[in-house]
C-alpha atoms as a PDB file:
ATOM      1  CA  MET A   1      11.965 -19.623  35.166  1.00  0.00           C
ATOM      2  CA  SER A   2      14.861 -18.147  36.866  1.00  0.00           C
ATOM      3  CA  GLU A   3      18.349 -18.546  35.890  1.00  0.00           C
ATOM      4  CA  ASN A   4      19.266 -21.160  38.512  1.00  0.00           C
ATOM      5  CA  GLU A   5      16.370 -23.532  37.578  1.00  0.00           C
ATOM      6  CA  VAL A   6      16.856 -26.371  35.225  1.00  0.00           C
ATOM      7  CA  ASP A   7      14.789 -26.902  32.127  1.00  0.00           C
ATOM      8  CA  VAL A   8      14.598 -30.586  31.601  1.00  0.00           C
ATOM      9  CA  SER A   9      13.571 -30.251  28.157  1.00  0.00           C
ATOM     10  CA  GLY A  10      16.060 -27.596  27.128  1.00  0.00           C
ATOM     11  CA  THR A  11      19.716 -27.498  26.304  1.00  0.00           C
ATOM     12  CA  ILE A  12      22.707 -26.943  28.794  1.00  0.00           C
ATOM     13  CA  PRO A  13      23.939 -23.401  29.061  1.00  0.00           C
ATOM     14  CA  GLU A  14      27.543 -22.963  28.569  1.00  0.00           C
ATOM     15  CA  SER A  15      28.137 -21.176  31.792  1.00  0.00           C
ATOM     16  CA  LYS A  16      27.076 -24.105  34.067  1.00  0.00           C
ATOM     17  CA  THR A  17      29.788 -25.890  36.116  1.00  0.00           C
ATOM     18  CA  GLU A  18      30.756 -29.451  36.023  1.00  0.00           C
ATOM     19  CA  LEU A  19      28.910 -30.294  39.201  1.00  0.00           C
ATOM     20  CA  GLU A  20      25.773 -28.653  37.888  1.00  0.00           C
ATOM     21  CA  LEU A  21      26.024 -30.813  34.803  1.00  0.00           C
ATOM     22  CA  VAL A  22      26.045 -33.790  37.008  1.00  0.00           C
ATOM     23  CA  ALA A  23      23.073 -32.659  38.789  1.00  0.00           C
ATOM     24  CA  ARG A  24      21.324 -32.010  35.651  1.00  0.00           C
ATOM     25  CA  LEU A  25      22.199 -35.367  34.266  1.00  0.00           C
ATOM     26  CA  VAL A  26      20.741 -37.114  37.517  1.00  0.00           C
ATOM     27  CA  GLU A  27      17.525 -35.202  37.292  1.00  0.00           C
ATOM     28  CA  ALA A  28      17.308 -35.695  33.556  1.00  0.00           C
ATOM     29  CA  ARG A  29      17.827 -39.671  34.206  1.00  0.00           C
ATOM     30  CA  ASP A  30      14.997 -39.732  36.576  1.00  0.00           C
ATOM     31  CA  THR A  31      12.629 -37.867  34.129  1.00  0.00           C
ATOM     32  CA  LEU A  32      13.949 -39.930  31.065  1.00  0.00           C
ATOM     33  CA  LEU A  33      13.312 -43.271  32.886  1.00  0.00           C
ATOM     34  CA  ALA A  34       9.783 -41.991  33.937  1.00  0.00           C
ATOM     35  CA  GLU A  35       8.929 -41.015  30.313  1.00  0.00           C
ATOM     36  CA  ILE A  36      10.248 -44.390  28.960  1.00  0.00           C
ATOM     37  CA  LYS A  37       8.383 -46.355  31.648  1.00  0.00           C
ATOM     38  CA  LYS A  38       5.012 -44.874  30.357  1.00  0.00           C
ATOM     39  CA  VAL A  39       5.550 -47.338  27.578  1.00  0.00           C
ATOM     40  CA  VAL A  40       8.085 -49.934  28.813  1.00  0.00           C
ATOM     41  CA  VAL A  41       7.239 -52.187  31.805  1.00  0.00           C
ATOM     42  CA  GLY A  42      10.226 -53.364  33.974  1.00  0.00           C
ATOM     43  CA  GLN A  43      13.806 -54.082  32.202  1.00  0.00           C
ATOM     44  CA  ASP A  44      15.446 -51.609  34.666  1.00  0.00           C
ATOM     45  CA  ASP A  45      18.894 -53.010  33.867  1.00  0.00           C
ATOM     46  CA  VAL A  46      18.341 -53.048  30.148  1.00  0.00           C
ATOM     47  CA  LEU A  47      17.263 -49.304  30.176  1.00  0.00           C
ATOM     48  CA  GLU A  48      20.282 -48.253  32.348  1.00  0.00           C
ATOM     49  CA  GLN A  49      22.794 -50.184  30.320  1.00  0.00           C
ATOM     50  CA  ILE A  50      21.407 -48.601  26.998  1.00  0.00           C
ATOM     51  CA  ILE A  51      21.561 -45.248  28.402  1.00  0.00           C
ATOM     52  CA  LEU A  52      25.101 -45.791  29.709  1.00  0.00           C
ATOM     53  CA  ALA A  53      26.002 -46.854  26.160  1.00  0.00           C
ATOM     54  CA  VAL A  54      24.555 -43.783  24.708  1.00  0.00           C
ATOM     55  CA  LEU A  55      26.531 -41.420  27.122  1.00  0.00           C
ATOM     56  CA  CYS A  56      29.819 -43.240  26.220  1.00  0.00           C
ATOM     57  CA  ARG A  57      29.266 -43.087  22.359  1.00  0.00           C
ATOM     58  CA  GLY A  58      28.853 -46.795  22.427  1.00  0.00           C
ATOM     59  CA  HIS A  59      26.790 -49.490  20.401  1.00  0.00           C
ATOM     60  CA  CYS A  60      24.615 -52.145  22.152  1.00  0.00           C
ATOM     61  CA  LEU A  61      23.588 -55.558  21.081  1.00  0.00           C
ATOM     62  CA  LEU A  62      20.296 -56.568  22.577  1.00  0.00           C
ATOM     63  CA  GLU A  63      19.603 -60.274  22.928  1.00  0.00           C
ATOM     64  CA  GLY A  64      16.260 -61.751  23.761  1.00  0.00           C
ATOM     65  CA  VAL A  65      13.370 -63.964  22.589  1.00  0.00           C
ATOM     66  CA  PRO A  66      10.674 -62.446  20.365  1.00  0.00           C
ATOM     67  CA  GLY A  67       8.011 -60.153  22.152  1.00  0.00           C
ATOM     68  CA  LEU A  68      10.202 -58.676  24.996  1.00  0.00           C
ATOM     69  CA  ALA A  69       9.760 -55.154  23.767  1.00  0.00           C
ATOM     70  CA  LYS A  70      13.355 -54.785  22.378  1.00  0.00           C
ATOM     71  CA  THR A  71      12.192 -52.804  19.320  1.00  0.00           C
ATOM     72  CA  VAL A  72       9.700 -50.758  21.501  1.00  0.00           C
ATOM     73  CA  ILE A  73      12.452 -49.795  23.971  1.00  0.00           C
ATOM     74  CA  ILE A  74      14.707 -48.472  21.275  1.00  0.00           C
ATOM     75  CA  GLN A  75      12.045 -46.611  19.495  1.00  0.00           C
ATOM     76  CA  THR A  76      10.686 -44.980  22.756  1.00  0.00           C
ATOM     77  CA  LEU A  77      14.402 -43.937  23.647  1.00  0.00           C
ATOM     78  CA  ALA A  78      14.740 -42.218  20.405  1.00  0.00           C
ATOM     79  CA  ASP A  79      11.399 -40.327  20.965  1.00  0.00           C
ATOM     80  CA  VAL A  80      12.262 -39.163  24.572  1.00  0.00           C
ATOM     81  CA  MET A  81      15.672 -37.993  23.535  1.00  0.00           C
ATOM     82  CA  ASP A  82      14.497 -36.209  20.601  1.00  0.00           C
ATOM     83  CA  LEU A  83      16.937 -37.934  18.135  1.00  0.00           C
ATOM     84  CA  SER A  84      16.450 -38.883  14.660  1.00  0.00           C
ATOM     85  CA  PHE A  85      15.617 -42.467  14.269  1.00  0.00           C
ATOM     86  CA  ASN A  86      15.730 -45.114  11.546  1.00  0.00           C
ATOM     87  CA  ARG A  87      14.763 -48.779  11.800  1.00  0.00           C
ATOM     88  CA  ILE A  88      16.575 -51.276   9.383  1.00  0.00           C
ATOM     89  CA  GLN A  89      14.981 -54.658   9.215  1.00  0.00           C
ATOM     90  CA  PHE A  90      17.856 -57.028   8.379  1.00  0.00           C
ATOM     91  CA  THR A  91      17.009 -59.771   5.882  1.00  0.00           C
ATOM     92  CA  PRO A  92      19.180 -62.258   3.755  1.00  0.00           C
ATOM     93  CA  ASP A  93      18.787 -60.114   0.691  1.00  0.00           C
ATOM     94  CA  LEU A  94      19.758 -56.738   2.276  1.00  0.00           C
ATOM     95  CA  MET A  95      22.733 -55.150   0.378  1.00  0.00           C
ATOM     96  CA  PRO A  96      25.388 -52.881   1.991  1.00  0.00           C
ATOM     97  CA  SER A  97      24.199 -49.867  -0.262  1.00  0.00           C
ATOM     98  CA  ASP A  98      20.660 -50.443   1.235  1.00  0.00           C
ATOM     99  CA  ILE A  99      21.742 -49.359   4.490  1.00  0.00           C
ATOM    100  CA  THR A 100      24.980 -46.963   3.734  1.00  0.00           C
ATOM    101  CA  GLY A 101      23.384 -45.144   0.856  1.00  0.00           C
ATOM    102  CA  THR A 102      24.456 -45.096  -2.934  1.00  0.00           C
ATOM    103  CA  ASP A 103      25.161 -42.766  -5.832  1.00  0.00           C
ATOM    104  CA  ILE A 104      22.315 -41.938  -8.175  1.00  0.00           C
ATOM    105  CA  ILE A 105      22.037 -39.997 -11.423  1.00  0.00           C
ATOM    106  CA  GLN A 106      20.344 -36.721 -10.961  1.00  0.00           C
ATOM    107  CA  GLU A 107      19.343 -34.545 -14.072  1.00  0.00           C
ATOM    108  CA  ASP A 108      19.256 -30.674 -13.690  1.00  0.00           C
ATOM    109  CA  PRO A 109      15.590 -29.845 -15.122  1.00  0.00           C
ATOM    110  CA  GLN A 110      16.973 -26.475 -16.355  1.00  0.00           C
ATOM    111  CA  SER A 111      20.227 -27.554 -18.240  1.00  0.00           C
ATOM    112  CA  GLY A 112      19.443 -31.105 -18.581  1.00  0.00           C
ATOM    113  CA  HIS A 113      22.906 -31.767 -17.209  1.00  0.00           C
ATOM    114  CA  ARG A 114      23.314 -35.147 -15.541  1.00  0.00           C
ATOM    115  CA  GLN A 115      25.387 -35.938 -12.463  1.00  0.00           C
ATOM    116  CA  MET A 116      26.007 -38.426  -9.804  1.00  0.00           C
ATOM    117  CA  GLU A 117      24.655 -37.391  -6.431  1.00  0.00           C
ATOM    118  CA  PHE A 118      24.949 -39.404  -2.935  1.00  0.00           C
ATOM    119  CA  LEU A 119      21.543 -40.522  -1.751  1.00  0.00           C
ATOM    120  CA  PRO A 120      22.169 -41.150   2.070  1.00  0.00           C
ATOM    121  CA  GLY A 121      20.806 -44.529   3.417  1.00  0.00           C
ATOM    122  CA  PRO A 122      18.914 -45.094   6.645  1.00  0.00           C
ATOM    123  CA  LEU A 123      22.315 -45.324   8.536  1.00  0.00           C
ATOM    124  CA  PHE A 124      22.418 -41.504   8.523  1.00  0.00           C
ATOM    125  CA  SER A 125      20.369 -40.954  11.753  1.00  0.00           C
ATOM    126  CA  ASN A 126      21.295 -40.306  15.406  1.00  0.00           C
ATOM    127  CA  LEU A 127      19.846 -43.657  16.323  1.00  0.00           C
ATOM    128  CA  VAL A 128      19.843 -46.689  14.206  1.00  0.00           C
ATOM    129  CA  LEU A 129      17.959 -49.846  15.076  1.00  0.00           C
ATOM    130  CA  ALA A 130      19.461 -52.838  13.424  1.00  0.00           C
ATOM    131  CA  ASP A 131      16.804 -55.283  13.897  1.00  0.00           C
ATOM    132  CA  GLU A 132      17.831 -59.136  13.890  1.00  0.00           C
ATOM    133  CA  ILE A 133      21.311 -58.225  12.660  1.00  0.00           C
ATOM    134  CA  ASN A 134      22.150 -61.983  12.429  1.00  0.00           C
ATOM    135  CA  ARG A 135      19.744 -62.463   9.658  1.00  0.00           C
ATOM    136  CA  THR A 136      21.799 -60.682   6.966  1.00  0.00           C
ATOM    137  CA  PRO A 137      24.913 -61.931   5.294  1.00  0.00           C
ATOM    138  CA  PRO A 138      28.409 -61.041   6.416  1.00  0.00           C
ATOM    139  CA  LYS A 139      28.854 -58.493   3.652  1.00  0.00           C
ATOM    140  CA  THR A 140      26.082 -56.228   4.932  1.00  0.00           C
ATOM    141  CA  GLN A 141      26.923 -56.823   8.403  1.00  0.00           C
ATOM    142  CA  ALA A 142      30.600 -55.776   7.736  1.00  0.00           C
ATOM    143  CA  ALA A 143      29.230 -52.486   6.047  1.00  0.00           C
ATOM    144  CA  LEU A 144      27.434 -51.696   9.316  1.00  0.00           C
ATOM    145  CA  LEU A 145      30.158 -52.486  11.592  1.00  0.00           C
ATOM    146  CA  GLU A 146      32.542 -50.341   9.674  1.00  0.00           C
ATOM    147  CA  ALA A 147      30.259 -47.381  10.002  1.00  0.00           C
ATOM    148  CA  MET A 148      30.017 -48.023  13.668  1.00  0.00           C
ATOM    149  CA  GLN A 149      33.787 -47.906  14.058  1.00  0.00           C
ATOM    150  CA  GLU A 150      34.647 -45.222  11.741  1.00  0.00           C
ATOM    151  CA  ARG A 151      31.441 -43.143  12.082  1.00  0.00           C
ATOM    152  CA  CYS A 152      31.588 -42.452   8.463  1.00  0.00           C
ATOM    153  CA  VAL A 153      30.606 -44.038   5.076  1.00  0.00           C
ATOM    154  CA  THR A 154      32.645 -44.144   1.947  1.00  0.00           C
ATOM    155  CA  CYS A 155      31.061 -44.378  -1.425  1.00  0.00           C
ATOM    156  CA  ARG A 156      32.978 -44.166  -4.738  1.00  0.00           C
ATOM    157  CA  GLY A 157      36.132 -42.728  -3.023  1.00  0.00           C
ATOM    158  CA  ARG A 158      34.105 -40.112  -1.122  1.00  0.00           C
ATOM    159  CA  THR A 159      33.732 -40.195   2.597  1.00  0.00           C
ATOM    160  CA  TYR A 160      30.655 -38.872   4.260  1.00  0.00           C
ATOM    161  CA  GLU A 161      30.551 -38.297   7.944  1.00  0.00           C
ATOM    162  CA  LEU A 162      27.549 -39.719  10.037  1.00  0.00           C
ATOM    163  CA  PRO A 163      25.461 -37.384  12.257  1.00  0.00           C
ATOM    164  CA  ASP A 164      26.814 -36.596  15.966  1.00  0.00           C
ATOM    165  CA  PRO A 165      25.586 -38.294  18.007  1.00  0.00           C
ATOM    166  CA  PHE A 166      25.543 -41.581  16.492  1.00  0.00           C
ATOM    167  CA  PHE A 167      24.656 -44.991  17.922  1.00  0.00           C
ATOM    168  CA  VAL A 168      23.578 -48.453  16.658  1.00  0.00           C
ATOM    169  CA  LEU A 169      21.258 -50.638  18.765  1.00  0.00           C
ATOM    170  CA  ALA A 170      21.108 -53.988  17.285  1.00  0.00           C
ATOM    171  CA  THR A 171      18.992 -56.992  18.140  1.00  0.00           C
ATOM    172  CA  GLN A 172      19.154 -60.592  17.691  1.00  0.00           C
ATOM    173  CA  ASN A 173      17.124 -63.464  18.499  1.00  0.00           C
ATOM    174  CA  PRO A 174      18.770 -66.435  20.546  1.00  0.00           C
ATOM    175  CA  ILE A 175      16.530 -68.967  19.245  1.00  0.00           C
ATOM    176  CA  GLU A 176      15.346 -69.873  15.352  1.00  0.00           C
ATOM    177  CA  GLN A 177      19.140 -69.890  14.377  1.00  0.00           C
ATOM    178  CA  GLU A 178      18.386 -71.672  11.126  1.00  0.00           C
ATOM    179  CA  GLY A 179      19.109 -69.504   8.211  1.00  0.00           C
ATOM    180  CA  THR A 180      21.262 -66.811  10.231  1.00  0.00           C
ATOM    181  CA  TYR A 181      24.630 -65.550  10.173  1.00  0.00           C
ATOM    182  CA  PRO A 182      25.978 -65.185  13.664  1.00  0.00           C
ATOM    183  CA  LEU A 183      28.472 -62.269  14.211  1.00  0.00           C
ATOM    184  CA  PRO A 184      31.988 -63.450  14.377  1.00  0.00           C
ATOM    185  CA  GLU A 185      33.707 -62.564  17.832  1.00  0.00           C
ATOM    186  CA  ALA A 186      35.714 -59.848  16.189  1.00  0.00           C
ATOM    187  CA  GLN A 187      32.604 -58.229  15.006  1.00  0.00           C
ATOM    188  CA  LEU A 188      30.880 -58.757  18.383  1.00  0.00           C
ATOM    189  CA  ASP A 189      33.894 -56.739  20.016  1.00  0.00           C
ATOM    190  CA  ARG A 190      32.538 -53.584  18.365  1.00  0.00           C
ATOM    191  CA  PHE A 191      29.527 -53.455  20.534  1.00  0.00           C
ATOM    192  CA  MET A 192      30.183 -52.010  23.914  1.00  0.00           C
ATOM    193  CA  PHE A 193      27.463 -53.919  25.829  1.00  0.00           C
ATOM    194  CA  MET A 194      25.583 -57.198  25.052  1.00  0.00           C
ATOM    195  CA  VAL A 195      22.430 -56.560  26.912  1.00  0.00           C
ATOM    196  CA  LYS A 196      20.347 -59.606  27.906  1.00  0.00           C
ATOM    197  CA  VAL A 197      16.640 -58.973  27.599  1.00  0.00           C
ATOM    198  CA  ASN A 198      14.813 -61.481  29.994  1.00  0.00           C
ATOM    199  CA  TYR A 199      11.141 -62.362  30.573  1.00  0.00           C
ATOM    200  CA  PRO A 200       9.131 -59.953  32.700  1.00  0.00           C
ATOM    201  CA  SER A 201       8.029 -60.967  36.143  1.00  0.00           C
ATOM    202  CA  ARG A 202       4.412 -62.066  36.691  1.00  0.00           C
ATOM    203  CA  ASN A 203       3.324 -58.745  38.031  1.00  0.00           C
ATOM    204  CA  GLU A 204       5.038 -57.020  35.188  1.00  0.00           C
ATOM    205  CA  GLU A 205       3.305 -58.990  32.726  1.00  0.00           C
ATOM    206  CA  ILE A 206       0.064 -58.340  34.207  1.00  0.00           C
ATOM    207  CA  GLU A 207       0.883 -54.483  33.934  1.00  0.00           C
ATOM    208  CA  ILE A 208       1.994 -55.171  30.232  1.00  0.00           C
ATOM    209  CA  LEU A 209      -1.506 -56.703  29.304  1.00  0.00           C
ATOM    210  CA  LYS A 210      -3.424 -53.922  31.076  1.00  0.00           C
ATOM    211  CA  ARG A 211      -1.411 -51.234  29.104  1.00  0.00           C
ATOM    212  CA  THR A 212      -1.309 -52.830  25.640  1.00  0.00           C
ATOM    213  CA  THR A 213      -4.957 -54.119  25.454  1.00  0.00           C
ATOM    214  CA  GLY A 214      -6.768 -50.769  26.082  1.00  0.00           C
ATOM    215  CA  THR A 215      -7.173 -47.544  24.091  1.00  0.00           C
ATOM    216  CA  LEU A 216      -4.531 -45.424  26.192  1.00  0.00           C
ATOM    217  CA  THR A 217      -1.741 -44.036  24.164  1.00  0.00           C
ATOM    218  CA  PRO A 218       0.921 -42.318  26.381  1.00  0.00           C
ATOM    219  CA  LEU A 219       2.093 -38.895  25.552  1.00  0.00           C
ATOM    220  CA  LEU A 220       5.907 -38.657  25.930  1.00  0.00           C
ATOM    221  CA  LYS A 221       7.828 -35.580  26.676  1.00  0.00           C
ATOM    222  CA  LYS A 222      11.367 -34.620  25.294  1.00  0.00           C
ATOM    223  CA  VAL A 223      14.013 -34.815  27.717  1.00  0.00           C
ATOM    224  CA  PHE A 224      17.455 -34.495  25.887  1.00  0.00           C
ATOM    225  CA  ASN A 225      18.278 -33.219  22.553  1.00  0.00           C
ATOM    226  CA  ALA A 226      21.180 -34.063  20.286  1.00  0.00           C
ATOM    227  CA  ASN A 227      23.214 -31.028  21.190  1.00  0.00           C
ATOM    228  CA  GLU A 228      22.775 -31.589  24.940  1.00  0.00           C
ATOM    229  CA  LEU A 229      23.663 -35.169  24.450  1.00  0.00           C
ATOM    230  CA  VAL A 230      26.998 -34.308  23.020  1.00  0.00           C
ATOM    231  CA  ILE A 231      27.997 -32.086  25.871  1.00  0.00           C
ATOM    232  CA  LEU A 232      27.093 -34.864  28.357  1.00  0.00           C
ATOM    233  CA  GLN A 233      29.261 -37.343  26.382  1.00  0.00           C
ATOM    234  CA  ASP A 234      32.126 -34.964  26.595  1.00  0.00           C
ATOM    235  CA  LEU A 235      31.578 -34.661  30.392  1.00  0.00           C
ATOM    236  CA  VAL A 236      31.560 -38.352  30.902  1.00  0.00           C
ATOM    237  CA  ARG A 237      35.490 -38.584  29.705  1.00  0.00           C
ATOM    238  CA  GLN A 238      36.326 -35.821  32.184  1.00  0.00           C
ATOM    239  CA  VAL A 239      35.192 -37.997  35.254  1.00  0.00           C
ATOM    240  CA  PRO A 240      38.529 -39.027  37.202  1.00  0.00           C
ATOM    241  CA  VAL A 241      39.462 -42.576  37.890  1.00  0.00           C
ATOM    242  CA  ALA A 242      41.859 -43.657  40.682  1.00  0.00           C
ATOM    243  CA  ASP A 243      44.816 -45.881  40.013  1.00  0.00           C
ATOM    244  CA  HIS A 244      43.157 -48.679  41.978  1.00  0.00           C
ATOM    245  CA  VAL A 245      40.256 -48.743  39.749  1.00  0.00           C
ATOM    246  CA  PHE A 246      42.251 -49.088  36.664  1.00  0.00           C
ATOM    247  CA  GLU A 247      44.080 -51.982  38.128  1.00  0.00           C
ATOM    248  CA  PHE A 248      40.932 -53.560  39.113  1.00  0.00           C
ATOM    249  CA  ALA A 249      39.552 -53.241  35.492  1.00  0.00           C
ATOM    250  CA  VAL A 250      42.684 -54.417  33.824  1.00  0.00           C
ATOM    251  CA  ASP A 251      42.971 -57.436  36.376  1.00  0.00           C
ATOM    252  CA  LEU A 252      39.538 -58.268  35.545  1.00  0.00           C
ATOM    253  CA  VAL A 253      40.297 -58.266  31.902  1.00  0.00           C
ATOM    254  CA  HIS A 254      43.485 -60.237  32.258  1.00  0.00           C
ATOM    255  CA  SER A 255      41.743 -62.845  34.430  1.00  0.00           C
ATOM    256  CA  THR A 256      39.378 -64.025  31.348  1.00  0.00           C
ATOM    257  CA  ARG A 257      42.419 -65.099  29.448  1.00  0.00           C
ATOM    258  CA  PRO A 258      43.610 -68.604  29.318  1.00  0.00           C
ATOM    259  CA  GLY A 259      46.722 -69.252  31.383  1.00  0.00           C
ATOM    260  CA  TYR A 260      45.736 -66.947  34.173  1.00  0.00           C
ATOM    261  CA  ASN A 261      46.657 -69.065  37.287  1.00  0.00           C
ATOM    262  CA  GLU A 262      44.896 -67.136  39.961  1.00  0.00           C
ATOM    263  CA  VAL A 263      41.607 -68.500  39.235  1.00  0.00           C
ATOM    264  CA  PRO A 264      42.272 -71.823  37.546  1.00  0.00           C
ATOM    265  CA  ASP A 265      38.618 -73.312  38.023  1.00  0.00           C
ATOM    266  CA  ALA A 266      37.253 -70.271  36.109  1.00  0.00           C
ATOM    267  CA  THR A 267      39.872 -69.790  33.404  1.00  0.00           C
ATOM    268  CA  LYS A 268      40.134 -73.489  32.512  1.00  0.00           C
ATOM    269  CA  TRP A 269      36.728 -73.162  30.752  1.00  0.00           C
ATOM    270  CA  VAL A 270      37.956 -70.167  28.548  1.00  0.00           C
ATOM    271  CA  GLN A 271      39.223 -70.718  25.143  1.00  0.00           C
ATOM    272  CA  TRP A 272      39.675 -67.019  24.127  1.00  0.00           C
ATOM    273  CA  GLY A 273      39.491 -64.039  26.648  1.00  0.00           C
ATOM    274  CA  ALA A 274      38.552 -60.422  26.407  1.00  0.00           C
ATOM    275  CA  GLY A 275      40.772 -58.019  24.529  1.00  0.00           C
ATOM    276  CA  PRO A 276      41.985 -54.533  25.456  1.00  0.00           C
ATOM    277  CA  ARG A 277      38.909 -52.837  24.143  1.00  0.00           C
ATOM    278  CA  SER A 278      36.890 -54.383  27.023  1.00  0.00           C
ATOM    279  CA  GLY A 279      39.042 -52.576  29.589  1.00  0.00           C
ATOM    280  CA  GLN A 280      38.441 -49.278  27.694  1.00  0.00           C
ATOM    281  CA  GLN A 281      34.627 -49.815  27.831  1.00  0.00           C
ATOM    282  CA  LEU A 282      34.684 -50.872  31.561  1.00  0.00           C
ATOM    283  CA  ILE A 283      36.327 -47.569  32.433  1.00  0.00           C
ATOM    284  CA  LEU A 284      34.104 -45.465  30.004  1.00  0.00           C
ATOM    285  CA  GLY A 285      31.067 -47.324  31.372  1.00  0.00           C
ATOM    286  CA  GLY A 286      32.110 -46.753  34.766  1.00  0.00           C
ATOM    287  CA  LYS A 287      32.423 -43.103  34.251  1.00  0.00           C
ATOM    288  CA  ALA A 288      28.829 -42.875  32.850  1.00  0.00           C
ATOM    289  CA  ARG A 289      27.466 -45.138  35.714  1.00  0.00           C
ATOM    290  CA  ALA A 290      29.043 -42.910  38.300  1.00  0.00           C
ATOM    291  CA  LEU A 291      27.586 -39.753  36.586  1.00  0.00           C
ATOM    292  CA  LEU A 292      24.044 -41.256  36.356  1.00  0.00           C
ATOM    293  CA  HIS A 293      24.288 -41.975  40.161  1.00  0.00           C
ATOM    294  CA  GLY A 294      25.541 -38.510  41.106  1.00  0.00           C
ATOM    295  CA  ARG A 295      29.053 -39.232  41.600  1.00  0.00           C
ATOM    296  CA  PHE A 296      32.127 -37.467  39.888  1.00  0.00           C
ATOM    297  CA  HIS A 297      34.458 -40.377  40.588  1.00  0.00           C
ATOM    298  CA  VAL A 298      34.314 -44.064  39.560  1.00  0.00           C
ATOM    299  CA  SER A 299      34.439 -46.852  42.100  1.00  0.00           C
ATOM    300  CA  THR A 300      35.235 -50.674  41.774  1.00  0.00           C
ATOM    301  CA  SER A 301      31.448 -51.461  42.192  1.00  0.00           C
ATOM    302  CA  ASP A 302      30.888 -49.506  39.035  1.00  0.00           C
ATOM    303  CA  ILE A 303      33.271 -51.740  37.159  1.00  0.00           C
ATOM    304  CA  ALA A 304      31.766 -54.861  38.666  1.00  0.00           C
ATOM    305  CA  ALA A 305      28.217 -53.847  38.005  1.00  0.00           C
ATOM    306  CA  LEU A 306      29.300 -53.639  34.277  1.00  0.00           C
ATOM    307  CA  ALA A 307      31.450 -56.724  33.886  1.00  0.00           C
ATOM    308  CA  ALA A 308      28.722 -58.941  32.369  1.00  0.00           C
ATOM    309  CA  PRO A 309      27.377 -56.726  29.768  1.00  0.00           C
ATOM    310  CA  VAL A 310      30.849 -55.754  28.700  1.00  0.00           C
ATOM    311  CA  LEU A 311      32.575 -59.212  28.931  1.00  0.00           C
ATOM    312  CA  ARG A 312      29.946 -61.794  28.123  1.00  0.00           C
ATOM    313  CA  HIS A 313      30.300 -61.525  24.349  1.00  0.00           C
ATOM    314  CA  ARG A 314      34.071 -61.259  24.386  1.00  0.00           C
ATOM    315  CA  ILE A 315      34.659 -64.551  26.182  1.00  0.00           C
ATOM    316  CA  VAL A 316      34.809 -67.985  24.216  1.00  0.00           C
ATOM    317  CA  CYS A 317      34.063 -70.892  26.371  1.00  0.00           C
ATOM    318  CA  THR A 318      35.677 -74.278  25.622  1.00  0.00           C
ATOM    319  CA  PHE A 319      33.768 -77.323  24.671  1.00  0.00           C
ATOM    320  CA  ALA A 320      34.311 -78.771  27.976  1.00  0.00           C
ATOM    321  CA  ALA A 321      32.673 -75.667  29.544  1.00  0.00           C
ATOM    322  CA  GLN A 322      29.607 -76.004  27.384  1.00  0.00           C
ATOM    323  CA  ALA A 323      29.321 -79.640  28.158  1.00  0.00           C
ATOM    324  CA  GLU A 324      29.422 -79.032  31.869  1.00  0.00           C
ATOM    325  CA  GLY A 325      26.719 -76.354  31.381  1.00  0.00           C
ATOM    326  CA  VAL A 326      29.223 -73.411  32.418  1.00  0.00           C
ATOM    327  CA  SER A 327      28.254 -70.126  30.803  1.00  0.00           C
ATOM    328  CA  ALA A 328      30.343 -66.986  30.332  1.00  0.00           C
ATOM    329  CA  GLU A 329      27.960 -65.445  32.802  1.00  0.00           C
ATOM    330  CA  THR A 330      29.114 -67.910  35.604  1.00  0.00           C
ATOM    331  CA  ILE A 331      32.859 -67.303  34.802  1.00  0.00           C
ATOM    332  CA  ILE A 332      32.432 -63.629  34.904  1.00  0.00           C
ATOM    333  CA  LYS A 333      30.789 -63.783  38.439  1.00  0.00           C
ATOM    334  CA  ARG A 334      33.600 -65.933  39.724  1.00  0.00           C
ATOM    335  CA  LEU A 335      36.253 -63.653  38.467  1.00  0.00           C
ATOM    336  CA  VAL A 336      34.542 -60.535  39.596  1.00  0.00           C
ATOM    337  CA  SER A 337      34.137 -62.059  43.129  1.00  0.00           C
ATOM    338  CA  HIS A 338      37.768 -63.018  43.155  1.00  0.00           C
ATOM    339  CA  GLY A 339      38.764 -59.370  41.909  1.00  0.00           C
ATOM    340  CA  LEU A 340      36.763 -57.744  44.747  1.00  0.00           C
ATOM    341  CA  ARG A 341      38.055 -60.203  47.440  1.00  0.00           C
ATOM    342  CA  ARG A 342      41.747 -59.364  46.425  1.00  0.00           C
ATOM    343  CA  ILE A 343      40.877 -55.477  46.423  1.00  0.00           C
ATOM    344  CA  THR A 344      39.555 -55.892  49.968  1.00  0.00           C
ATOM    345  CA  LYS A 345      42.690 -57.615  51.331  1.00  0.00           C
ATOM    346  CA  LYS A 346      45.010 -54.861  50.156  1.00  0.00           C
END
């Protein structure tokens, strides 16, 4: 292979320019999706949103009924990106130390001296699957969310850094809510995206049956590794953003809050709107989306495309909205349409 060729499975040489890195990312995206689709049928929007969150060092909450391959998607992503992976099945009896780790007594076989040593929990991985996060009590949820925010774990006064990169992809089931502990809005805000996993189409479901009822086991190639991913994450933050895109993102976030008079038919249904963190996530997500599509600049269309996954879990609807069947999705669509029309008129 010559020096100018791109090795999809290798790391990025330090001498490559930013534009070459963008081209590398676009090529790797196509290869990454092709590898994942050897296992996963459909779910294009879900896959793109998860990849965007990974590039932004963000965390995702996947919501969907059982059997929609939420766990398979995450496991496949870890395999293809060559990342260390742990799955934690959240249950009502799960304790914080079960996921973060704990101190244990270790005895030196030669001296017989005993001392406390930290035994890392499953949280010490590049990619952590928090399966059915709403089935564990708030105490354990809080331990996970603290690690997500601080990217470290504290035990007996000592702080232990989590590996870099580090992501939490959590799942929850929108049905069977008896015996669950729904995440409060303040904790939901820690997730960059809430990704809705929907039913496959008829043709997709036929393909699923063909793939999963035979003997064929697909062989997956490694596309990224952890070191390369860190370089790409740093590149995301270097993407320039024009002032009008910043203004569009801020206006969109402001329009979700009660008392915003420009879209009264939408905000009358909102009890609580999105906070400043949502604007940060819109801009970061827009930067990553621009890179994935081969651009080194962010457009308002990037922000509009990510409005639903960024805002849907940060808006609390009123009882009147629930009674009228108005969802957060409906409100977001109206607010985005209003914002785009206003940009066009300027």
